[in-house]
């Protein structure tokens, strides 16, 4: 028998009312069913989170440059703890300088 990898659940914590409204709009009619109140996270904090599909997370990351958009991304592997993974997805990649790529004078 092959072991199946546990799936991930994705959550977004809005940083302001505009972001909250945008997430609700993305989720559509059943948005209220996706809102989870007072969820215990790995850092011991209780948070109000939207349970979302991964494509919603990608859409929010794409819009992260918009001034009014503020949020944090969380995920959960299987039945594990809910952890903050915002930095993994929003951290700007450092420019890599290849050895010997400098211009010589």
Protein backbone atom coordinates (compact mmCIF):
# COMPACT_ATOMS: atom_id res chain seq x y z
CA UNK A 1 0.00 0.00 0.00
CA UNK A 2 1.23 3.46 -0.79
CA UNK A 3 1.11 6.16 1.83
CA UNK A 4 -0.80 9.22 0.78
CA UNK A 5 0.74 12.58 1.64
CA UNK A 6 -1.47 14.72 3.84
CA UNK A 7 -3.03 17.67 2.04
CA UNK A 8 -2.62 21.30 2.97
CA UNK A 9 -5.34 23.64 4.14
CA UNK A 10 -4.82 27.34 3.42
CA UNK A 11 -5.91 30.34 5.45
CA UNK A 12 -5.68 34.11 5.10
CA UNK A 13 -5.80 36.62 7.92
CA UNK A 14 -6.87 40.02 6.53
CA UNK A 15 -4.97 43.02 7.82
CA UNK A 16 -7.78 45.51 7.26
CA UNK A 17 -11.44 45.80 6.30
CA UNK A 18 -10.73 46.37 2.59
CA UNK A 19 -8.76 43.14 2.40
CA UNK A 20 -11.46 41.32 4.35
CA UNK A 21 -14.07 42.52 1.85
CA UNK A 22 -11.88 41.51 -1.11
CA UNK A 23 -11.48 37.97 0.25
CA UNK A 24 -15.22 37.67 0.86
CA UNK A 25 -15.84 38.79 -2.72
CA UNK A 26 -13.35 36.22 -4.09
CA UNK A 27 -15.07 33.46 -2.12
CA UNK A 28 -18.53 34.44 -3.36
CA UNK A 29 -21.85 33.33 -1.94
CA UNK A 30 -20.48 30.77 0.48
CA UNK A 31 -17.94 33.13 2.03
CA UNK A 32 -19.48 32.97 5.50
CA UNK A 33 -18.91 29.21 5.59
CA UNK A 34 -15.18 29.80 5.07
CA UNK A 35 -14.72 32.21 7.98
CA UNK A 36 -13.24 30.51 11.02
CA UNK A 37 -13.26 32.50 14.24
CA UNK A 38 -10.77 32.20 17.11
CA UNK A 39 -8.53 29.57 15.51
CA UNK A 40 -5.54 28.51 17.64
CA UNK A 41 -2.31 28.86 15.67
CA UNK A 42 1.14 27.34 16.25
CA UNK A 43 2.37 30.52 17.96
CA UNK A 44 -0.40 30.22 20.58
CA UNK A 45 -2.45 33.15 19.22
CA UNK A 46 -6.16 32.99 18.45
CA UNK A 47 -6.98 34.43 15.03
CA UNK A 48 -9.99 34.95 12.79
CA UNK A 49 -9.03 33.29 9.49
CA UNK A 50 -10.59 32.70 6.11
CA UNK A 51 -10.22 29.09 4.92
CA UNK A 52 -9.40 29.42 1.22
CA UNK A 53 -8.29 27.37 -1.78
CA UNK A 54 -4.69 27.70 -2.92
CA UNK A 55 -5.71 29.70 -6.01
CA UNK A 56 -7.14 32.40 -3.71
CA UNK A 57 -3.77 32.60 -1.94
CA UNK A 58 -2.06 33.04 -5.33
CA UNK A 59 -4.54 35.78 -6.28
CA UNK A 60 -3.90 37.62 -3.01
CA UNK A 61 -0.13 37.35 -3.44
CA UNK A 62 -0.48 38.75 -6.96
CA UNK A 63 -2.39 41.74 -5.52
CA UNK A 64 -0.03 42.23 -2.58
CA UNK A 65 1.53 45.29 -4.23
CA UNK A 66 -1.76 47.18 -4.04
CA UNK A 67 -1.49 49.70 -1.17
CA UNK A 68 -4.71 48.71 0.62
CA UNK A 69 -4.02 44.97 0.53
CA UNK A 70 -2.64 43.65 3.81
CA UNK A 71 -2.81 40.03 4.91
CA UNK A 72 -0.94 37.08 6.36
CA UNK A 73 -0.92 33.56 4.93
CA UNK A 74 -1.27 30.45 7.08
CA UNK A 75 -1.32 26.77 6.24
CA UNK A 76 -1.96 23.45 7.93
CA UNK A 77 -0.55 20.11 6.88
CA UNK A 78 -3.11 17.39 7.52
CA UNK A 79 -4.32 17.79 11.11
CA UNK A 80 -1.16 19.59 12.24
CA UNK A 81 -0.81 23.06 13.65
CA UNK A 82 -1.79 26.14 11.70
CA UNK A 83 1.38 28.11 11.02
CA UNK A 84 2.24 31.49 9.55
CA UNK A 85 3.93 31.07 6.16
CA UNK A 86 3.62 34.66 4.95
CA UNK A 87 7.38 35.18 4.60
CA UNK A 88 7.76 32.09 2.43
CA UNK A 89 5.42 33.53 -0.19
CA UNK A 90 5.99 37.28 0.01
CA UNK A 91 9.70 37.62 0.71
CA UNK A 92 11.50 39.21 -2.20
CA UNK A 93 14.13 37.00 -3.66
CA UNK A 94 17.64 38.27 -3.13
CA UNK A 95 19.58 39.03 -6.23
CA UNK A 96 22.24 36.46 -6.77
CA UNK A 97 25.56 37.57 -8.08
CA UNK A 98 27.24 34.90 -10.09
CA UNK A 99 30.91 34.47 -9.61
CA UNK A 100 32.77 36.32 -12.36
CA UNK A 101 29.72 38.32 -13.46
CA UNK A 102 31.18 41.66 -12.46
CA UNK A 103 32.22 44.03 -15.19
CA UNK A 104 35.90 44.71 -15.27
CA UNK A 105 37.17 48.28 -15.56
